[in-house]
């Protein structure tokens, strides 16, 4: 129903209620106001009780007042009631119709019609505006309630995302902190820590981590298990596919569902532990998950964690300690995958500071004004750089963030980013699957 139709219905209901309310009251007032002049004239001016011969024709006031209050129709009723009283009065005095003040009566008719039409027009306008205001007030309350619900829902979504992000990031950071102290068999150590992280999710019931040898393939004995993990089947179709493609595979894929009875597997999913260079360090074999939680989003989460630990292992192979760039790559890669896991978008913004006495002050200021959900990495090699990852940020919001930061920077240092040699690069992520995209981006930032 449109706004116009709604207001019309409201006006119709209002008119009906007003008519019922004022019907009897208006008739009583018409009668009393119409006779007040002649009654007053009987006592004050018996020879001319209607004051038609006075300097001012006072008899025009009753129908005028009635027309102003109730409109044209009731004004005309008052007018004809007065006309009837005049005829009765002339007849009682023994006069004839020539004594009837036709000119006064004609003026009263015209004046009452004009007055009544004007007042009815304004009443309709006022009624429409009143109902429009009432309708708008109602809609405003509805929109306000809807906005509050949306605001609460958005706050809950942010809280959920922040809690999940911080919890997973904290767990992954602990793995990274501990792996650097592990010199012997790091894969076994990382596998154990990885399943401790994944053990936070109750939907992962039975799973195991297996090492992969370049010569003999998957080792039969698991490095670590969650629940009672059975022996792997020889030439398992899911394992073979995962090792061949270096990508997660699960039985929900349409090709497997159509020929499920012919598939040689006893697993639900296989997630390879693969780093950014596509080296497979091991596999995570999932035997059992809660049925309602077995969907692509959770498979992506498992892939996120396995990719992160694979990059840690790759970094250990290069040296005993990851460089700032490798550490930033691992953390940004994991954060981006987590953001995409929640079907959100993000921006990665880099600030490259030229050599100056105040470059650390500039960096500290920008970092301090990039709070909230933003994640930050300070990298110092040949130049000082600050990387800021802003989740839930589309291109328009990112432009607003940079403009606001520019204004705050100018207010603090009385200079612009360009004048102090700060170079800004931003990359928008609406999807993220291939870590090589991030690796290439960081290489460009590093130049």
Protein backbone atom coordinates (compact mmCIF):
# COMPACT_ATOMS: atom_id res chain seq x y z
CA UNK A 1 0.00 0.00 0.00
CA UNK A 2 1.39 3.41 -0.98
CA UNK A 3 1.72 6.38 1.35
CA UNK A 4 -1.09 8.21 -0.48
CA UNK A 5 -3.51 5.31 -0.06
CA UNK A 6 -2.56 4.95 3.58
CA UNK A 7 -3.25 8.62 4.26
CA UNK A 8 -6.56 8.45 2.37
CA UNK A 9 -7.70 5.57 4.54
CA UNK A 10 -6.61 7.42 7.66
CA UNK A 11 -8.49 10.55 6.54
CA UNK A 12 -11.60 8.53 5.80
CA UNK A 13 -11.53 7.00 9.27
CA UNK A 14 -10.87 10.42 10.80
CA UNK A 15 -13.79 12.03 8.97
CA UNK A 16 -16.16 9.28 10.06
CA UNK A 17 -15.14 9.62 13.68
CA UNK A 18 -15.37 13.42 13.57
CA UNK A 19 -18.81 13.30 11.94
CA UNK A 20 -20.12 10.96 14.62
CA UNK A 21 -18.59 13.04 17.39
CA UNK A 22 -19.70 16.50 16.25
CA UNK A 23 -23.05 15.73 14.60
CA UNK A 24 -25.30 16.38 17.60
CA UNK A 25 -23.03 19.05 19.04
CA UNK A 26 -23.05 21.02 15.77
CA UNK A 27 -26.85 21.02 15.54
CA UNK A 28 -27.18 22.37 19.07
CA UNK A 29 -24.61 25.09 18.40
CA UNK A 30 -26.28 26.05 15.09
CA UNK A 31 -29.58 26.50 16.86
CA UNK A 32 -28.18 28.51 19.78
CA UNK A 33 -25.91 30.76 17.72
CA UNK A 34 -28.61 31.38 15.08
CA UNK A 35 -31.19 32.61 17.61
CA UNK A 36 -28.84 34.58 19.85
CA UNK A 37 -29.10 37.80 17.72
CA UNK A 38 -32.93 37.91 17.52
CA UNK A 39 -33.27 36.96 21.22
CA UNK A 40 -30.85 39.73 22.13
CA UNK A 41 -32.78 42.10 19.81
CA UNK A 42 -36.11 41.39 21.56
CA UNK A 43 -34.70 42.98 24.72
CA UNK A 44 -32.52 45.69 23.20
CA UNK A 45 -34.22 46.68 19.94
CA UNK A 46 -37.82 45.31 19.77
CA UNK A 47 -38.62 47.25 16.63
CA UNK A 48 -35.81 45.58 14.65
CA UNK A 49 -34.78 42.40 16.46
CA UNK A 50 -32.63 41.20 13.49
CA UNK A 51 -30.74 44.52 13.28
CA UNK A 52 -31.23 44.65 9.50
CA UNK A 53 -31.69 48.44 9.59
CA UNK A 54 -28.74 49.10 11.94
CA UNK A 55 -25.49 50.69 10.79
CA UNK A 56 -23.92 47.20 10.69
CA UNK A 57 -25.97 44.08 9.77
CA UNK A 58 -25.17 42.04 12.88
CA UNK A 59 -27.38 39.18 11.71
CA UNK A 60 -24.64 38.03 9.29
CA UNK A 61 -22.44 36.95 12.23
CA UNK A 62 -24.22 33.67 13.23
CA UNK A 63 -24.02 31.93 9.79
CA UNK A 64 -20.49 33.32 9.35
CA UNK A 65 -19.35 31.84 12.66
CA UNK A 66 -21.07 28.52 11.91
CA UNK A 67 -19.45 28.36 8.45
CA UNK A 68 -16.06 29.09 10.01
CA UNK A 69 -16.49 26.32 12.56
CA UNK A 70 -18.36 23.59 10.69
CA UNK A 71 -18.16 24.46 7.01
CA UNK A 72 -20.46 25.55 4.19
CA UNK A 73 -23.34 23.12 4.75
CA UNK A 74 -23.86 23.97 8.39
CA UNK A 75 -23.43 27.67 7.63
CA UNK A 76 -26.26 27.41 5.08
CA UNK A 77 -28.45 25.59 7.63
CA UNK A 78 -27.92 28.49 10.05
CA UNK A 79 -28.67 30.96 7.26
CA UNK A 80 -31.98 29.34 6.29
CA UNK A 81 -32.97 28.98 9.94
CA UNK A 82 -32.50 32.74 10.38
CA UNK A 83 -34.44 33.37 7.14
CA UNK A 84 -37.31 31.25 8.49
CA UNK A 85 -37.30 33.22 11.78
CA UNK A 86 -37.39 36.47 9.77
CA UNK A 87 -40.43 35.33 7.78
CA UNK A 88 -42.21 34.28 10.97
CA UNK A 89 -41.36 37.63 12.59
CA UNK A 90 -42.65 39.61 9.54
CA UNK A 91 -45.83 37.53 9.46
CA UNK A 92 -46.46 38.10 13.20
CA UNK A 93 -46.10 41.87 12.67
CA UNK A 94 -48.65 41.72 9.84
CA UNK A 95 -46.18 42.70 7.16
CA UNK A 96 -45.69 41.22 3.67
CA UNK A 97 -42.74 39.60 1.85
CA UNK A 98 -41.55 42.95 0.49
CA UNK A 99 -40.25 43.72 3.99
CA UNK A 100 -37.89 40.71 3.81
CA UNK A 101 -34.26 42.09 3.60
CA UNK A 102 -33.37 40.27 0.39
CA UNK A 103 -30.14 42.21 -0.16
CA UNK A 104 -28.87 41.34 3.33
CA UNK A 105 -29.90 37.70 2.88
CA UNK A 106 -28.16 37.51 -0.52
CA UNK A 107 -24.96 38.93 0.97
CA UNK A 108 -25.19 36.44 3.82
CA UNK A 109 -25.45 33.54 1.33
CA UNK A 110 -22.41 34.68 -0.67
CA UNK A 111 -20.37 35.40 2.47
CA UNK A 112 -21.25 32.05 4.05
CA UNK A 113 -20.40 30.13 0.84
CA UNK A 114 -17.02 31.83 0.45
CA UNK A 115 -16.16 31.49 4.13
CA UNK A 116 -17.28 27.86 4.27
CA UNK A 117 -15.32 26.84 1.17
CA UNK A 118 -12.16 28.52 2.41
CA UNK A 119 -12.39 26.94 5.84
CA UNK A 120 -13.15 23.47 4.41
CA UNK A 121 -10.18 23.74 2.07
CA UNK A 122 -7.89 24.62 4.95
CA UNK A 123 -9.38 21.89 7.13
CA UNK A 124 -8.64 19.32 4.44
CA UNK A 125 -5.10 20.60 4.11
CA UNK A 126 -4.64 20.54 7.84
CA UNK A 127 -6.11 17.04 8.10
CA UNK A 128 -3.81 15.76 5.34
CA UNK A 129 -0.76 17.35 6.97
CA UNK A 130 -1.78 15.99 10.37
CA UNK A 131 -2.17 12.47 9.02
CA UNK A 132 1.06 12.77 7.05
CA UNK A 133 2.83 13.81 10.24
CA UNK A 134 1.23 10.93 12.12
CA UNK A 135 2.21 8.49 9.37
CA UNK A 136 5.76 9.84 9.23
CA UNK A 137 6.06 9.64 13.03
CA UNK A 138 4.91 6.02 12.93
CA UNK A 139 7.32 5.18 10.12
CA UNK A 140 10.10 7.01 11.93
CA UNK A 141 9.52 4.91 15.04
CA UNK A 142 9.51 1.74 12.93
CA UNK A 143 12.71 2.78 11.16
CA UNK A 144 14.28 3.76 14.46
CA UNK A 145 13.46 0.33 15.91
CA UNK A 146 14.75 -1.37 12.76
CA UNK A 147 17.93 0.73 12.92
CA UNK A 148 18.49 -0.20 16.55
CA UNK A 149 18.02 -3.89 15.76
CA UNK A 150 20.44 -3.54 12.82
CA UNK A 151 22.92 -1.67 15.01
CA UNK A 152 22.79 -4.37 17.69
CA UNK A 153 23.08 -7.11 15.04
CA UNK A 154 26.07 -5.35 13.46
CA UNK A 155 27.70 -4.95 16.87
CA UNK A 156 27.16 -8.64 17.60
CA UNK A 157 28.61 -9.54 14.19
CA UNK A 158 31.66 -7.38 14.87
CA UNK A 159 32.07 -8.88 18.36
CA UNK A 160 31.80 -12.40 16.96
CA UNK A 161 34.31 -11.61 14.22
CA UNK A 162 36.73 -9.89 16.62
CA UNK A 163 36.50 -12.72 19.17
CA UNK A 164 37.05 -15.35 16.49
CA UNK A 165 39.88 -13.39 14.90
CA UNK A 166 41.68 -12.67 18.15
CA UNK A 167 41.20 -16.20 19.45
CA UNK A 168 42.55 -17.82 16.28
CA UNK A 169 45.32 -15.25 15.83
CA UNK A 170 46.38 -15.71 19.43
CA UNK A 171 46.51 -19.47 19.01
CA UNK A 172 48.45 -19.24 15.75
CA UNK A 173 50.84 -16.71 17.30
CA UNK A 174 51.54 -19.16 20.13
CA UNK A 175 52.39 -21.82 17.55
CA UNK A 176 54.74 -19.39 15.85
CA UNK A 177 56.37 -18.38 19.15
CA UNK A 178 56.94 -22.01 20.16
CA UNK A 179 58.04 -23.37 16.78
CA UNK A 180 61.15 -21.22 16.77
CA UNK A 181 62.33 -23.04 19.93
CA UNK A 182 61.77 -26.48 18.37
CA UNK A 183 64.86 -27.76 16.60
CA UNK A 184 63.99 -31.47 16.20
CA UNK A 185 61.02 -32.75 14.19
CA UNK A 186 59.21 -29.41 13.81
CA UNK A 187 56.40 -30.96 11.72
CA UNK A 188 55.42 -33.27 14.59
CA UNK A 189 55.50 -30.36 17.02
CA UNK A 190 53.45 -28.10 14.72
CA UNK A 191 50.94 -30.89 14.02
CA UNK A 192 50.34 -31.35 17.73
CA UNK A 193 49.89 -27.61 18.29
CA UNK A 194 47.69 -27.33 15.21
CA UNK A 195 45.26 -29.99 16.47
CA UNK A 196 45.21 -28.24 19.85
CA UNK A 197 44.04 -25.11 18.03
CA UNK A 198 41.48 -27.02 15.96
CA UNK A 199 40.34 -28.86 19.07
CA UNK A 200 38.62 -25.59 20.11
CA UNK A 201 35.99 -26.41 17.50
CA UNK A 202 33.67 -29.13 18.77
CA UNK A 203 32.55 -30.07 15.27
CA UNK A 204 35.93 -31.65 14.46
CA UNK A 205 35.51 -35.09 16.08
CA UNK A 206 38.02 -37.49 14.46
CA UNK A 207 41.05 -36.37 12.45
CA UNK A 208 44.77 -37.04 12.04
CA UNK A 209 47.87 -35.31 10.72
CA UNK A 210 50.20 -37.35 8.51
CA UNK A 211 53.64 -36.49 7.16
CA UNK A 212 54.35 -36.64 3.44
CA UNK A 213 57.65 -38.01 2.14
CA UNK A 214 58.77 -36.93 -1.34
CA UNK A 215 59.75 -40.50 -2.22
CA UNK A 216 57.22 -42.83 -0.55
CA UNK A 217 54.23 -40.48 -0.21
CA UNK A 218 52.03 -40.37 2.89
CA UNK A 219 53.42 -42.10 5.97
CA UNK A 220 51.02 -44.64 7.46
CA UNK A 221 51.45 -43.67 11.10
CA UNK A 222 49.86 -40.34 12.04
CA UNK A 223 51.94 -37.68 13.74
CA UNK A 224 49.02 -36.79 15.99
CA UNK A 225 45.31 -37.60 16.11
CA UNK A 226 42.06 -36.18 17.42
CA UNK A 227 39.76 -38.99 18.52
CA UNK A 228 40.23 -42.62 17.44
CA UNK A 229 41.62 -42.37 13.93
CA UNK A 230 41.46 -45.62 11.85
CA UNK A 231 44.12 -46.78 9.41
CA UNK A 232 44.17 -45.03 6.06
CA UNK A 233 43.03 -47.01 3.01
CA UNK A 234 45.66 -47.76 0.40
CA UNK A 235 45.29 -45.62 -2.73
CA UNK A 236 42.58 -43.54 -1.06
CA UNK A 237 40.84 -41.45 -3.76
CA UNK A 238 40.59 -38.32 -1.63
CA UNK A 239 44.24 -38.55 -0.55
CA UNK A 240 45.37 -39.07 -4.13
CA UNK A 241 43.34 -36.10 -5.36
CA UNK A 242 44.54 -33.80 -2.56
CA UNK A 243 48.21 -34.64 -3.19
CA UNK A 244 47.79 -34.17 -6.93
CA UNK A 245 46.02 -30.78 -6.76
CA UNK A 246 47.53 -29.49 -3.46
CA UNK A 247 44.01 -28.31 -2.58
CA UNK A 248 41.39 -29.42 -0.03
CA UNK A 249 39.10 -32.24 -1.18
CA UNK A 250 35.91 -33.51 0.44
CA UNK A 251 33.16 -36.01 -0.44
CA UNK A 252 30.58 -33.26 -0.81
CA UNK A 253 31.98 -32.42 -4.21
CA UNK A 254 29.33 -33.26 -6.79
CA UNK A 255 31.62 -35.67 -8.69
CA UNK A 256 32.14 -37.75 -5.55
CA UNK A 257 28.52 -37.63 -4.40
CA UNK A 258 27.27 -38.98 -7.73
CA UNK A 259 29.56 -42.03 -7.48
CA UNK A 260 29.93 -42.28 -3.72
CA UNK A 261 29.51 -46.08 -3.65
CA UNK A 262 32.48 -46.43 -6.04
CA UNK A 263 34.84 -44.10 -4.17
CA UNK A 264 37.76 -45.80 -2.42
CA UNK A 265 37.89 -43.78 0.82
CA UNK A 266 36.86 -43.83 4.45
CA UNK A 267 37.42 -40.09 4.96
CA UNK A 268 35.19 -37.03 4.79
CA UNK A 269 37.88 -34.55 3.75
CA UNK A 270 41.62 -34.24 3.14
CA UNK A 271 43.36 -30.89 3.58
CA UNK A 272 46.99 -30.70 2.42
CA UNK A 273 49.44 -28.75 4.57
CA UNK A 274 50.83 -26.68 1.69
CA UNK A 275 52.91 -23.50 1.82
CA UNK A 276 53.02 -20.50 -0.53
CA UNK A 277 55.54 -22.29 -2.77
CA UNK A 278 53.08 -25.22 -3.21
CA UNK A 279 55.28 -27.56 -1.17
CA UNK A 280 53.19 -30.20 0.64
CA UNK A 281 54.51 -30.87 4.16
CA UNK A 282 51.75 -33.21 5.24
CA UNK A 283 48.00 -33.74 5.20
CA UNK A 284 45.13 -33.31 7.62
CA UNK A 285 42.75 -36.26 7.18
CA UNK A 286 39.24 -35.74 8.58
CA UNK A 287 37.35 -38.91 9.42
CA UNK A 288 34.34 -37.51 11.29
CA UNK A 289 32.67 -34.12 11.74
CA UNK A 290 29.30 -33.10 13.08
CA UNK A 291 26.85 -33.51 10.21
CA UNK A 292 25.38 -30.00 10.51
CA UNK A 293 28.88 -28.46 10.51
CA UNK A 294 30.22 -30.35 7.50
CA UNK A 295 30.21 -27.54 4.94
CA UNK A 296 32.67 -25.59 2.81
CA UNK A 297 33.10 -22.76 5.29
CA UNK A 298 34.60 -25.07 7.91
CA UNK A 299 36.74 -26.83 5.29
CA UNK A 300 38.10 -23.38 4.42
CA UNK A 301 38.88 -22.76 8.09
CA UNK A 302 40.86 -26.00 8.29
CA UNK A 303 42.70 -25.01 5.12
CA UNK A 304 43.49 -21.62 6.64
CA UNK A 305 45.20 -23.16 9.67
CA UNK A 306 47.12 -25.77 7.64
CA UNK A 307 48.40 -23.12 5.20
CA UNK A 308 49.56 -20.98 8.10
CA UNK A 309 51.59 -23.74 9.75
CA UNK A 310 53.01 -24.77 6.35
CA UNK A 311 54.33 -21.23 5.87
CA UNK A 312 55.86 -21.40 9.35
CA UNK A 313 57.62 -24.65 8.43
CA UNK A 314 58.79 -23.12 5.16
CA UNK A 315 60.26 -20.18 7.06
CA UNK A 316 62.10 -22.51 9.45
CA UNK A 317 63.67 -24.30 6.53
CA UNK A 318 65.18 -21.04 5.28
CA UNK A 319 66.57 -20.06 8.69
CA UNK A 320 66.09 -20.53 12.37
CA UNK A 321 64.07 -17.38 12.61
CA UNK A 322 61.63 -15.84 10.19
CA UNK A 323 62.35 -12.42 8.74
CA UNK A 324 59.92 -9.59 9.40
CA UNK A 325 58.60 -9.95 5.86
CA UNK A 326 58.05 -13.71 6.15
CA UNK A 327 56.37 -13.26 9.52
CA UNK A 328 54.14 -10.51 8.13
CA UNK A 329 53.33 -12.65 5.10
CA UNK A 330 52.26 -15.59 7.27
CA UNK A 331 50.10 -13.47 9.55
CA UNK A 332 48.48 -11.43 6.75
CA UNK A 333 47.85 -14.62 4.77
CA UNK A 334 46.09 -16.20 7.77
CA UNK A 335 44.14 -13.03 8.54
CA UNK A 336 42.95 -12.63 4.96
CA UNK A 337 41.79 -16.23 4.82
CA UNK A 338 39.94 -15.77 8.11
CA UNK A 339 38.28 -12.59 6.82
CA UNK A 340 37.22 -14.35 3.61
CA UNK A 341 36.04 -17.29 5.73
CA UNK A 342 33.47 -14.90 7.21
CA UNK A 343 32.47 -13.66 3.71
CA UNK A 344 33.83 -10.17 4.37
CA UNK A 345 36.17 -7.93 2.39
CA UNK A 346 39.34 -6.10 3.39
CA UNK A 347 42.06 -3.63 2.39
CA UNK A 348 45.79 -3.97 2.88
CA UNK A 349 47.35 -0.51 3.10
CA UNK A 350 51.11 0.06 3.13
CA UNK A 351 52.83 3.25 4.36
CA UNK A 352 56.42 3.65 3.15
CA UNK A 353 58.35 6.29 5.14
CA UNK A 354 61.30 8.13 3.65
CA UNK A 355 64.40 8.60 5.80
CA UNK A 356 63.85 11.53 8.15
CA UNK A 357 64.30 12.43 11.79
CA UNK A 358 60.55 12.17 12.41
CA UNK A 359 59.77 9.00 10.46
CA UNK A 360 59.23 7.01 13.68
CA UNK A 361 56.91 9.73 14.99
CA UNK A 362 54.92 9.59 11.76
CA UNK A 363 54.73 5.81 11.94
CA UNK A 364 53.66 5.83 15.60
CA UNK A 365 50.97 8.42 14.87
CA UNK A 366 49.47 6.46 11.95
CA UNK A 367 49.60 3.23 13.95
CA UNK A 368 47.86 4.87 16.92
CA UNK A 369 45.11 6.19 14.65
CA UNK A 370 44.51 2.81 13.00
CA UNK A 371 42.81 1.17 15.95
CA UNK A 372 39.67 -0.96 16.13
CA UNK A 373 39.62 -4.10 14.01
CA UNK A 374 42.71 -3.02 12.06
CA UNK A 375 45.83 -5.20 12.28
CA UNK A 376 49.24 -3.59 11.95
CA UNK A 377 52.79 -4.72 11.11
CA UNK A 378 55.89 -2.50 11.37
CA UNK A 379 58.75 -3.67 9.15
CA UNK A 380 62.15 -2.01 9.24
CA UNK A 381 64.90 -2.99 6.83
CA UNK A 382 66.23 -0.51 4.30
CA UNK A 383 63.15 1.65 4.89
CA UNK A 384 60.55 1.91 7.64
CA UNK A 385 57.17 0.53 6.54
CA UNK A 386 53.81 0.10 8.19
CA UNK A 387 51.25 -2.42 6.90
CA UNK A 388 47.62 -2.02 7.98
CA UNK A 389 44.95 -4.64 7.28
CA UNK A 390 41.44 -3.17 7.55
CA UNK A 391 38.67 -5.81 7.55
CA UNK A 392 35.02 -5.02 6.70
CA UNK A 393 36.27 -2.28 4.38
CA UNK A 394 35.11 -1.67 0.81
CA UNK A 395 36.89 0.87 -1.49
CA UNK A 396 34.61 3.72 -0.42
CA UNK A 397 35.21 3.09 3.29
CA UNK A 398 38.94 2.78 2.72
CA UNK A 399 39.01 6.17 0.95
CA UNK A 400 37.17 7.67 3.93
CA UNK A 401 39.70 6.07 6.31
CA UNK A 402 42.66 7.51 4.38
CA UNK A 403 41.10 10.99 4.06
CA UNK A 404 40.34 11.07 7.78
CA UNK A 405 43.88 9.91 8.56
CA UNK A 406 45.27 12.61 6.25
CA UNK A 407 43.27 15.34 8.05
CA UNK A 408 44.42 14.12 11.45
CA UNK A 409 48.03 13.96 10.24
CA UNK A 410 47.89 17.53 8.86
CA UNK A 411 46.34 18.80 12.10
CA UNK A 412 49.13 17.19 14.13
CA UNK A 413 52.22 17.87 11.98
CA UNK A 414 51.03 20.79 9.76
CA UNK A 415 52.19 18.81 6.70
CA UNK A 416 50.72 16.34 4.23
CA UNK A 417 51.74 12.74 3.62
CA UNK A 418 53.23 13.73 0.27
CA UNK A 419 55.27 16.63 1.67
CA UNK A 420 57.01 14.40 4.24
CA UNK A 421 57.61 11.61 1.69
CA UNK A 422 55.07 9.03 2.88
CA UNK A 423 54.04 6.74 0.02
CA UNK A 424 50.70 4.94 0.34
CA UNK A 425 49.60 1.84 -1.55
CA UNK A 426 46.30 0.03 -1.03
CA UNK A 427 45.06 -3.33 -2.27
CA UNK A 428 41.39 -4.36 -2.07
CA UNK A 429 40.52 -8.00 -1.34
CA UNK A 430 36.97 -9.18 -2.04
CA UNK A 431 38.28 -12.73 -2.43
CA UNK A 432 41.54 -14.44 -1.58
CA UNK A 433 42.59 -17.96 -2.55
CA UNK A 434 46.12 -17.87 -3.93
CA UNK A 435 48.89 -16.80 -1.46
CA UNK A 436 51.08 -15.92 -4.46
CA UNK A 437 48.92 -12.82 -4.95
CA UNK A 438 49.92 -11.62 -1.48
CA UNK A 439 53.56 -12.60 -2.02
CA UNK A 440 53.71 -10.55 -5.25
CA UNK A 441 52.02 -7.61 -3.55
CA UNK A 442 54.51 -7.59 -0.66
CA UNK A 443 57.37 -7.82 -3.15
CA UNK A 444 56.12 -4.63 -4.84
CA UNK A 445 55.71 -2.89 -1.49
CA UNK A 446 59.23 -3.89 -0.56
CA UNK A 447 60.79 -2.29 -3.65
